[in-house]
Protein backbone atom coordinates (compact mmCIF):
# COMPACT_ATOMS: atom_id res chain seq x y z
CA UNK A 1 0.01 -0.18 0.04
CA UNK A 2 1.20 3.42 -0.61
CA UNK A 3 0.16 6.86 0.83
CA UNK A 4 1.08 10.17 -0.61
CA UNK A 5 1.32 13.10 1.57
CA UNK A 6 -0.76 16.40 1.12
CA UNK A 7 2.21 17.93 -0.86
CA UNK A 8 2.69 14.80 -2.89
CA UNK A 9 6.62 14.72 -2.49
CA UNK A 10 6.74 11.84 0.16
CA UNK A 11 5.33 8.69 -0.36
CA UNK A 12 4.89 6.07 2.66
CA UNK A 13 5.11 2.49 1.84
CA UNK A 14 4.54 0.44 4.95
CA UNK A 15 4.68 -3.28 5.14
CA UNK A 16 1.65 -3.07 7.90
CA UNK A 17 -1.08 -0.55 7.95
CA UNK A 18 -3.55 -0.16 10.86
CA UNK A 19 -6.55 1.90 12.04
CA UNK A 20 -7.24 0.88 15.62
CA UNK A 21 -10.74 1.78 16.91
CA UNK A 22 -9.67 2.11 20.53
CA UNK A 23 -6.54 2.15 22.99
CA UNK A 24 -6.73 -1.51 23.69
CA UNK A 25 -6.26 -2.35 19.97
CA UNK A 26 -3.23 -0.10 19.96
CA UNK A 27 -1.59 -2.04 22.63
CA UNK A 28 -2.23 -5.42 20.76
CA UNK A 29 -0.68 -3.97 17.74
CA UNK A 30 2.35 -3.12 19.71
CA UNK A 31 2.57 -6.43 21.31
CA UNK A 32 2.22 -8.10 17.76
CA UNK A 33 4.82 -5.86 16.16
CA UNK A 34 7.51 -5.90 18.95
CA UNK A 35 10.89 -5.45 17.48
CA UNK A 36 9.65 -3.51 14.50
CA UNK A 37 9.75 0.15 13.69
CA UNK A 38 6.35 1.70 14.43
CA UNK A 39 5.24 5.33 13.14
CA UNK A 40 2.00 7.15 13.34
CA UNK A 41 0.28 9.34 10.86
CA UNK A 42 -2.22 11.93 11.24
CA UNK A 43 -3.84 13.59 8.01
CA UNK A 44 -0.35 13.27 6.35
CA UNK A 45 -0.23 17.12 6.11
CA UNK A 46 3.57 17.43 6.34
CA UNK A 47 6.20 17.95 3.78
CA UNK A 48 9.29 16.34 5.91
CA UNK A 49 10.41 13.05 6.03
CA UNK A 50 8.98 12.73 9.41
CA UNK A 51 6.10 10.52 7.81
CA UNK A 52 8.42 8.13 6.14
CA UNK A 53 7.45 4.58 7.39
CA UNK A 54 8.50 1.14 5.64
CA UNK A 55 7.45 -1.46 8.62
CA UNK A 56 4.22 -0.39 10.82
CA UNK A 57 2.34 2.67 10.25
CA UNK A 58 -0.92 3.33 12.54
CA UNK A 59 -3.64 5.84 11.45
CA UNK A 60 -5.30 7.00 14.70
CA UNK A 61 -8.66 8.70 13.01
CA UNK A 62 -10.88 6.48 15.22
CA UNK A 63 -9.43 7.70 18.73
CA UNK A 64 -10.98 11.22 18.32
CA UNK A 65 -12.88 11.60 21.48
CA UNK A 66 -13.39 15.32 22.96
CA UNK A 67 -14.00 15.40 26.76
CA UNK A 68 -14.16 19.00 28.40
CA UNK A 69 -13.22 19.22 32.03
CA UNK A 70 -13.22 22.24 34.46
CA UNK A 71 -11.21 22.10 37.74
CA UNK A 72 -12.10 25.59 39.38
CA UNK A 73 -10.73 28.32 37.27
CA UNK A 74 -8.94 25.80 34.92
CA UNK A 75 -10.51 24.72 31.76
CA UNK A 76 -9.11 21.94 29.86
CA UNK A 77 -9.93 19.19 27.33
CA UNK A 78 -8.88 15.43 27.05
CA UNK A 79 -8.88 14.90 23.18
CA UNK A 80 -8.11 11.80 21.14
CA UNK A 81 -4.66 11.99 19.36
CA UNK A 82 -6.41 11.28 16.02
CA UNK A 83 -8.88 14.06 16.39
CA UNK A 84 -8.74 16.75 13.81
CA UNK A 85 -8.40 20.41 15.13
CA UNK A 86 -11.45 21.51 13.27
CA UNK A 87 -13.49 18.71 15.00
CA UNK A 88 -12.03 19.87 18.39
CA UNK A 89 -12.69 23.53 17.86
CA UNK A 90 -16.37 22.58 17.08
CA UNK A 91 -16.90 20.39 20.12
CA UNK A 92 -15.59 22.95 22.48
CA UNK A 93 -17.64 25.81 21.08
CA UNK A 94 -20.87 23.08 21.03
CA UNK A 95 -20.54 21.73 24.51
CA UNK A 96 -18.96 24.58 26.53
CA UNK A 97 -18.37 27.71 24.48
CA UNK A 98 -14.81 27.24 24.73
CA UNK A 99 -11.91 27.25 22.55
CA UNK A 100 -7.97 26.74 22.13
CA UNK A 101 -5.65 29.55 23.37
CA UNK A 102 -3.88 29.30 19.92
CA UNK A 103 -5.29 28.31 16.46
CA UNK A 104 -3.05 27.65 13.46
CA UNK A 105 -3.46 28.63 9.81
CA UNK A 106 -5.58 25.38 8.98
CA UNK A 107 -7.36 23.13 11.15
CA UNK A 108 -7.00 19.79 9.05
CA UNK A 109 -4.29 18.32 11.21
CA UNK A 110 -4.89 16.03 13.99
CA UNK A 111 -3.89 17.10 17.46
CA UNK A 112 -1.05 14.52 17.89
CA UNK A 113 0.34 15.59 14.62
CA UNK A 114 0.12 19.31 15.53
CA UNK A 115 1.86 19.14 18.87
CA UNK A 116 4.39 16.55 17.44
CA UNK A 117 5.50 19.12 14.94
CA UNK A 118 5.02 22.32 16.87
CA UNK A 119 1.91 23.78 14.72
CA UNK A 120 1.52 27.50 15.67
CA UNK A 121 -0.61 30.32 14.95
CA UNK A 122 0.40 33.96 15.39
CA UNK A 123 0.84 36.13 18.51
CA UNK A 124 0.88 33.24 20.68
CA UNK A 125 2.56 30.26 21.76
CA UNK A 126 2.56 27.17 19.63
CA UNK A 127 -0.15 24.58 20.24
CA UNK A 128 2.64 22.44 21.72
CA UNK A 129 3.05 24.91 24.82
CA UNK A 130 -0.77 24.24 25.88
CA UNK A 131 -0.31 20.59 26.35
CA UNK A 132 -0.87 19.70 30.08
CA UNK A 133 -0.39 16.23 29.77
CA UNK A 134 0.31 13.50 26.86
CA UNK A 135 -1.02 9.65 27.18
CA UNK A 136 1.27 7.66 25.35
CA UNK A 137 1.53 3.88 24.14
CA UNK A 138 4.89 2.39 24.30
CA UNK A 139 6.83 -0.76 25.83
CA UNK A 140 7.35 -1.32 29.53
CA UNK A 141 11.25 -1.36 30.03
CA UNK A 142 10.69 -4.16 32.72
CA UNK A 143 8.49 -6.50 31.03
CA UNK A 144 8.59 -5.44 27.35
CA UNK A 145 5.01 -5.80 27.18
CA UNK A 146 2.94 -2.73 25.63
CA UNK A 147 1.44 -0.35 28.33
CA UNK A 148 -0.16 3.25 28.60
CA UNK A 149 1.68 6.05 30.52
CA UNK A 150 0.66 9.57 31.15
CA UNK A 151 3.41 12.13 30.96
CA UNK A 152 2.52 15.34 32.98
CA UNK A 153 5.83 17.02 34.31
CA UNK A 154 9.39 17.76 33.88
CA UNK A 155 11.63 17.47 30.69
CA UNK A 156 9.31 14.24 29.70
CA UNK A 157 6.47 16.46 29.16
CA UNK A 158 8.81 19.05 27.58
CA UNK A 159 9.68 16.44 25.26
CA UNK A 160 6.21 14.98 24.66
CA UNK A 161 5.01 18.41 23.72
CA UNK A 162 6.99 18.28 20.39
CA UNK A 163 7.92 14.56 20.16
CA UNK A 164 8.36 13.95 16.38
CA UNK A 165 6.63 10.72 17.20
CA UNK A 166 9.84 9.37 18.71
CA UNK A 167 8.14 8.68 22.42
CA UNK A 168 5.52 6.48 21.46
CA UNK A 169 1.96 6.31 20.03
CA UNK A 170 0.16 9.65 21.40
CA UNK A 171 -3.31 8.22 22.30
CA UNK A 172 -4.83 11.31 23.81
CA UNK A 173 -3.61 14.92 25.00
CA UNK A 174 -4.97 17.03 27.64
CA UNK A 175 -4.97 20.56 26.28
CA UNK A 176 -5.45 24.03 27.97
CA UNK A 177 -8.64 25.67 27.03
CA UNK A 178 -10.33 29.13 27.45
CA UNK A 179 -13.70 30.75 26.90
CA UNK A 180 -14.53 31.76 23.40
CA UNK A 181 -13.54 35.17 22.03
CA UNK A 182 -13.61 37.35 19.25
CA UNK A 183 -11.13 38.76 16.98
CA UNK A 184 -10.97 41.95 14.96
CA UNK A 185 -9.24 42.05 11.83
CA UNK A 186 -8.29 44.21 8.92
CA UNK A 187 -5.83 44.01 6.14
CA UNK A 188 -3.41 47.27 5.38
CA UNK A 189 -0.39 47.71 3.20
CA UNK A 190 3.04 48.98 4.51
CA UNK A 191 6.41 49.54 2.55
CA UNK A 192 8.51 49.18 5.61
CA UNK A 193 8.85 46.31 8.23
CA UNK A 194 9.80 48.50 10.96
CA UNK A 195 6.16 50.14 10.46
CA UNK A 196 4.79 46.31 10.54
CA UNK A 197 6.77 45.28 13.56
CA UNK A 198 5.58 48.64 15.52
CA UNK A 199 1.96 47.80 14.96
CA UNK A 200 2.33 44.63 17.16
CA UNK A 201 1.65 46.70 20.22
CA UNK A 202 -1.76 47.42 18.94
CA UNK A 203 -2.50 44.36 17.09
CA UNK A 204 -0.60 41.23 18.83
CA UNK A 205 -2.32 38.42 17.00
CA UNK A 206 -1.32 40.06 13.58
CA UNK A 207 0.40 37.96 10.78
CA UNK A 208 1.81 39.56 7.43
CA UNK A 209 2.88 38.94 4.01
CA UNK A 210 5.91 40.20 1.82
CA UNK A 211 4.53 40.37 -1.76
CA UNK A 212 6.77 39.22 -4.16
CA UNK A 213 7.86 41.70 -6.98
CA UNK A 214 5.98 44.46 -5.25
CA UNK A 215 8.11 43.96 -2.26
CA UNK A 216 5.56 45.61 0.15
CA UNK A 217 4.13 43.96 3.04
CA UNK A 218 0.38 43.31 3.53
CA UNK A 219 -0.41 42.97 7.12
CA UNK A 220 -3.50 41.10 8.63
CA UNK A 221 -4.05 42.99 11.59
CA UNK A 222 -5.52 41.20 14.29
CA UNK A 223 -6.27 41.59 18.09
CA UNK A 224 -8.81 40.01 20.79
CA UNK A 225 -11.68 42.48 21.51
CA UNK A 226 -14.56 42.43 23.86
CA UNK A 227 -17.21 43.28 21.08
CA UNK A 228 -20.06 41.28 19.42
CA UNK A 229 -19.67 39.97 16.24
CA UNK A 230 -19.71 42.41 13.28
CA UNK A 231 -23.14 42.99 10.88
CA UNK A 232 -20.66 42.35 8.03
CA UNK A 233 -18.60 39.65 9.74
CA UNK A 234 -20.25 36.85 7.50
CA UNK A 235 -19.66 38.67 4.60
CA UNK A 236 -16.05 39.32 5.52
CA UNK A 237 -15.30 35.71 5.76
CA UNK A 238 -16.97 34.97 2.50
CA UNK A 239 -15.34 37.28 0.79
CA UNK A 240 -11.93 36.42 2.29
CA UNK A 241 -12.58 32.75 1.33
CA UNK A 242 -13.74 33.50 -2.14
CA UNK A 243 -11.31 36.02 -3.10
CA UNK A 244 -8.15 35.03 -1.25
CA UNK A 245 -8.43 31.28 -0.67
CA UNK A 246 -10.03 30.16 -3.92
CA UNK A 247 -9.66 33.02 -6.80
CA UNK A 248 -6.26 34.23 -5.73
CA UNK A 249 -4.94 30.76 -5.77
CA UNK A 250 -6.51 30.00 -9.11
CA UNK A 251 -4.82 32.83 -10.61
CA UNK A 252 -1.67 31.81 -9.13
CA UNK A 253 -2.01 28.15 -10.45
CA UNK A 254 -3.01 29.61 -13.74
CA UNK A 255 0.21 31.56 -13.98
CA UNK A 256 2.58 29.05 -12.88
CA UNK A 257 1.38 26.18 -14.23
CA UNK A 258 -0.33 27.27 -17.36
CA UNK A 259 1.35 30.78 -18.61
CA UNK A 260 4.66 30.15 -17.06
CA UNK A 261 5.71 33.72 -18.27
CA UNK A 262 7.85 35.48 -15.68
CA UNK A 263 6.88 39.31 -16.75
CA UNK A 264 3.29 38.30 -16.55
CA UNK A 265 3.62 36.79 -12.96
CA UNK A 266 5.81 39.94 -11.99
CA UNK A 267 3.21 42.60 -13.40
CA UNK A 268 0.42 40.61 -11.60
CA UNK A 269 1.84 40.96 -8.34
CA UNK A 270 2.99 44.64 -8.74
CA UNK A 271 -0.73 45.58 -9.97
CA UNK A 272 -3.43 42.92 -10.17
CA UNK A 273 -3.05 40.87 -7.10
CA UNK A 274 -3.29 43.63 -4.61
CA UNK A 275 -6.71 44.18 -5.75
CA UNK A 276 -8.10 40.86 -4.39
CA UNK A 277 -7.34 42.52 -0.92
CA UNK A 278 -9.73 45.14 0.71
CA UNK A 279 -7.78 47.32 2.94
CA UNK A 280 -9.21 48.67 6.35
CA UNK A 281 -12.40 46.65 6.18
CA UNK A 282 -12.51 45.96 10.00
CA UNK A 283 -14.67 43.07 11.22
CA UNK A 284 -15.04 41.14 14.39
CA UNK A 285 -15.80 37.44 14.23
CA UNK A 286 -15.30 34.47 16.46
CA UNK A 287 -11.68 33.46 16.65
CA UNK A 288 -12.09 30.03 15.52
CA UNK A 289 -13.50 31.57 12.19
CA UNK A 290 -11.26 34.48 12.08
CA UNK A 291 -7.82 32.93 12.63
CA UNK A 292 -8.32 30.09 10.45
CA UNK A 293 -7.82 30.08 6.64
CA UNK A 294 -8.17 27.65 3.75
CA UNK A 295 -4.54 27.05 2.27
CA UNK A 296 -5.05 23.32 2.36
CA UNK A 297 -7.41 23.44 -0.75
CA UNK A 298 -4.60 23.31 -3.42
CA UNK A 299 -1.97 20.98 -3.20
CA UNK A 300 1.66 22.83 -2.60
CA UNK A 301 5.10 22.37 -1.21
CA UNK A 302 6.30 24.54 1.85
CA UNK A 303 9.44 25.49 4.14
CA UNK A 304 9.25 27.29 6.83
CA UNK A 305 12.18 28.99 8.68
CA UNK A 306 12.08 30.86 12.15
CA UNK A 307 14.23 33.43 13.45
CA UNK A 308 14.12 35.48 16.58
CA UNK A 309 12.87 39.01 16.58
CA UNK A 310 16.58 40.54 16.66
CA UNK A 311 17.42 38.79 13.46
CA UNK A 312 13.91 39.27 11.80
CA UNK A 313 15.11 42.65 9.68
CA UNK A 314 18.30 41.06 8.53
CA UNK A 315 16.67 37.78 7.59
CA UNK A 316 13.74 39.39 5.63
CA UNK A 317 16.18 41.32 3.59
CA UNK A 318 18.13 37.96 2.86
CA UNK A 319 14.94 36.33 1.77
CA UNK A 320 14.09 39.30 -0.44
CA UNK A 321 17.60 39.71 -2.11
CA UNK A 322 17.77 36.00 -2.66
CA UNK A 323 14.79 35.84 -4.39
CA UNK A 324 15.65 38.72 -6.62
CA UNK A 325 18.81 36.87 -7.42
CA UNK A 326 16.97 33.73 -8.38
CA UNK A 327 14.42 35.52 -10.44
CA UNK A 328 17.01 37.51 -11.99
CA UNK A 329 15.46 40.80 -11.03
CA UNK A 330 17.99 42.05 -8.55
CA UNK A 331 19.73 44.71 -10.94
CA UNK A 332 16.08 45.28 -12.80
CA UNK A 333 14.14 45.92 -9.40
CA UNK A 334 16.60 48.03 -7.43
CA UNK A 335 20.43 47.99 -6.12
CA UNK A 336 21.38 45.31 -4.01
CA UNK A 337 20.99 45.82 -0.45
CA UNK A 338 24.48 46.47 0.67
CA UNK A 339 23.85 44.18 3.97
CA UNK A 340 23.34 41.23 1.40
CA UNK A 341 26.93 41.50 0.24
CA UNK A 342 27.90 41.37 3.83
CA UNK A 343 25.73 38.47 4.39
CA UNK A 344 27.14 36.47 1.42
CA UNK A 345 30.77 37.16 2.75
CA UNK A 346 30.00 35.91 6.25
CA UNK A 347 28.39 32.84 5.18
CA UNK A 348 30.52 32.28 2.38
CA UNK A 349 28.05 31.33 -0.09
CA UNK A 350 29.19 33.68 -3.05
CA UNK A 351 29.48 30.66 -5.56
CA UNK A 352 26.34 29.08 -4.18
CA UNK A 353 24.54 32.38 -5.26
CA UNK A 354 25.97 32.16 -8.55
CA UNK A 355 24.21 28.45 -8.92
CA UNK A 356 20.79 29.81 -8.09
CA UNK A 357 20.89 32.99 -10.31
CA UNK A 358 17.84 33.33 -12.41
CA UNK A 359 16.76 29.77 -12.10
CA UNK A 360 13.26 30.48 -10.07
CA UNK A 361 10.79 33.10 -10.24
CA UNK A 362 8.84 32.96 -6.74
CA UNK A 363 5.21 33.24 -7.20
CA UNK A 364 3.59 33.37 -3.65
CA UNK A 365 3.29 35.64 -0.71
CA UNK A 366 5.88 35.09 1.98
CA UNK A 367 3.85 34.65 5.20
CA UNK A 368 5.51 35.89 8.51
CA UNK A 369 3.88 34.95 11.84
CA UNK A 370 5.06 35.62 15.36
CA UNK A 371 5.15 32.96 18.15
CA UNK A 372 5.88 33.43 21.57
CA UNK A 373 8.57 31.33 23.57
CA UNK A 374 7.39 27.66 24.09
CA UNK A 375 8.04 25.49 27.26
CA UNK A 376 9.18 22.57 25.03
CA UNK A 377 12.77 21.23 24.42
CA UNK A 378 12.48 21.29 20.58
CA UNK A 379 9.91 22.99 19.15
CA UNK A 380 10.75 25.68 16.57
CA UNK A 381 9.98 28.52 19.39
CA UNK A 382 11.61 26.65 22.14
CA UNK A 383 14.65 28.53 23.88
CA UNK A 384 17.21 29.81 21.40
CA UNK A 385 20.97 30.44 21.53
CA UNK A 386 22.60 33.96 21.65
CA UNK A 387 25.93 32.98 20.05
CA UNK A 388 27.67 36.23 21.52
CA UNK A 389 31.42 36.48 21.06
CA UNK A 390 33.63 33.55 21.12
CA UNK A 391 32.54 30.68 23.31
CA UNK A 392 30.44 32.67 25.70
CA UNK A 393 27.14 31.66 24.27
CA UNK A 394 24.02 31.69 26.41
CA UNK A 395 20.31 31.20 25.86
CA UNK A 396 17.97 34.15 24.86
CA UNK A 397 14.19 34.57 25.43
CA UNK A 398 13.15 36.40 22.41
CA UNK A 399 9.97 35.57 20.57
CA UNK A 400 10.27 33.80 16.98
CA UNK A 401 9.01 34.49 13.81
CA UNK A 402 8.29 32.01 11.08
CA UNK A 403 8.91 33.12 7.48
CA UNK A 404 7.16 30.58 5.20
CA UNK A 405 7.82 29.97 1.28
CA UNK A 406 5.30 28.31 -0.84
CA UNK A 407 5.63 26.80 -4.10
CA UNK A 408 2.45 25.73 -6.19
CA UNK A 409 4.43 24.30 -9.32
CA UNK A 410 3.61 20.54 -10.41
CA UNK A 411 5.81 17.96 -8.92
CA UNK A 412 7.88 17.67 -11.68
CA UNK A 413 8.89 21.55 -11.82
CA UNK A 414 9.62 21.94 -8.27
CA UNK A 415 13.44 21.35 -8.36
CA UNK A 416 14.45 24.89 -8.56
CA UNK A 417 12.52 26.13 -5.81
CA UNK A 418 13.93 23.28 -3.71
CA UNK A 419 17.52 24.30 -4.64
CA UNK A 420 16.74 28.08 -3.90
CA UNK A 421 15.23 27.37 -0.43
CA UNK A 422 17.92 25.04 0.56
CA UNK A 423 20.48 27.72 -0.05
CA UNK A 424 18.25 29.94 1.96
CA UNK A 425 17.74 27.25 4.75
CA UNK A 426 21.58 26.38 5.19
CA UNK A 427 22.80 29.82 4.86
CA UNK A 428 20.33 31.58 7.14
CA UNK A 429 21.07 28.98 9.71
CA UNK A 430 24.49 30.02 9.66
CA UNK A 431 23.76 33.74 9.73
CA UNK A 432 20.51 33.93 11.83
CA UNK A 433 20.36 30.71 13.57
CA UNK A 434 17.33 29.98 11.57
CA UNK A 435 15.41 26.81 12.37
CA UNK A 436 13.59 24.78 9.99
CA UNK A 437 9.83 23.63 10.72
CA UNK A 438 9.84 19.91 11.67
CA UNK A 439 6.77 19.28 9.70
CA UNK A 440 7.77 20.94 6.34
CA UNK A 441 10.53 20.97 4.04
CA UNK A 442 13.66 20.45 5.85
CA UNK A 443 16.70 20.07 4.05
CA UNK A 444 19.31 20.50 6.78
CA UNK A 445 21.37 17.65 7.73
CA UNK A 446 21.32 16.19 11.35
CA UNK A 447 24.42 17.83 12.22
CA UNK A 448 23.12 21.29 11.10
CA UNK A 449 20.00 20.59 13.14
CA UNK A 450 22.04 19.92 16.37
CA UNK A 451 23.54 23.21 16.09
CA UNK A 452 20.13 25.08 16.26
CA UNK A 453 18.42 23.63 19.28
CA UNK A 454 20.26 23.77 22.40
CA UNK A 455 18.20 21.40 24.23
CA UNK A 456 18.25 18.45 21.70
CA UNK A 457 20.57 16.38 24.02
CA UNK A 458 18.08 16.56 26.68
CA UNK A 459 15.41 15.42 24.04
CA UNK A 460 17.51 12.84 23.10
CA UNK A 461 17.77 11.50 26.69
CA UNK A 462 13.85 11.42 26.96
CA UNK A 463 13.76 9.37 23.69
CA UNK A 464 16.39 6.88 25.07
CA UNK A 465 14.39 6.58 28.34
CA UNK A 466 10.95 5.99 26.67
CA UNK A 467 12.30 3.90 23.56
CA UNK A 468 15.82 2.73 23.95
CA UNK A 469 15.38 0.30 21.09
CA UNK A 470 14.45 3.12 18.67
CA UNK A 471 11.22 1.26 17.62
CA UNK A 472 9.31 4.62 17.23
CA UNK A 473 11.77 6.25 15.05
CA UNK A 474 12.36 6.13 11.43
CA UNK A 475 15.59 6.67 9.82
CA UNK A 476 15.33 10.57 9.62
CA UNK A 477 14.40 10.78 13.23
CA UNK A 478 17.09 8.30 14.15
CA UNK A 479 19.70 10.57 12.47
CA UNK A 480 18.24 13.67 14.26
CA UNK A 481 17.70 12.54 17.72
CA UNK A 482 19.99 9.18 17.73
CA UNK A 483 23.49 9.03 19.36
CA UNK A 484 26.00 10.53 17.18
CA UNK A 485 28.70 8.37 15.57
CA UNK A 486 31.64 8.81 17.57
């Protein structure tokens, strides 16, 4: 049996595939396949090798229970690992008028898949941060029999909050909840990144987009408000869905898969595509509707790189200049930013830049979102490193910003995009300690990843305690978290 992921860049061919209907069946499967490698999938909405499996593959879609619970002021929900976030949001609203503290771009992922890879929204912590406890099925180290363990404190919990599937089968998660709330939103265009960042004080939930070939920023200003739903709230959501999620994407698909003329693409971004966005239309809607968009409607490939606040401006300059060079417009659009030449020298990547010159014209807005520091070991927004001078490195608690580059070309036409974003990922890691998203295109080697996550060794220790034989790892995760070869 072969399964393709959402982006159709990874195929999964397990020897055994199961969809257990309850926890007891999961334990029976683990006992049956003791000694074999076991991996779990959600909705396959991942672009990285984290989903690869050639032995035993488990889909937990039937473990989707939603059980809200309240202990005084504390609101939480016990939710099955296979429950999709959209179902969780719906059940919380219907049963208790609750919601999650943080909501990501899309709601198709399962809860277990979302926390295992550090899925996040904008202006809050990632979903992983809000996990109170995690129930996993794995092997008892004494008897070797399958058992269930609840993880609810210490480094074990910090590891389970973003585990890459390496600690066992996540049966359920207890998540923090809150009462439903409203979010005000409107779009506005800016020419300077500094103006966008300054607006965070007034709109802490905002996310923004660097528009290629126009090189301005469209900001989706968002903030929590104590106000009823706007009279035009439904109209706004339908406009956003039809204009941005459907019509805009169809136009982009036509340009990159049909016309394939670079000048047409550049002209469209400079003059046509901004027409799809109505600026300064302020509306209030429930958070579960306002914060979620429908970017899963059309298959695509993504890479997401995370930098801390102090590196954001330089990182965005690097991204912009790289895309100009790759699209062969560096001289046509404007003079090269002097910082770019310095960055190339620091990274020692001048020859690599020559190799990508003119090979790829980027065709999708670059999305940027802010994530507060996570209490996890290895989520992308976990504690960072301040390299300092010499060997005086120390950790830093700045918030993180995700920079997402998306490609809508056909599977056989993505090579140039992959080459360009690999150049970005490797050199932005050197220059800005930029971390790749665990669930998206991840072109860095295990050694390069180890340099970026200061708590990876602590995570590795928890993996060795939970799964000393590496049964819940695949080759990719084994390379990342396994013992280094000496």
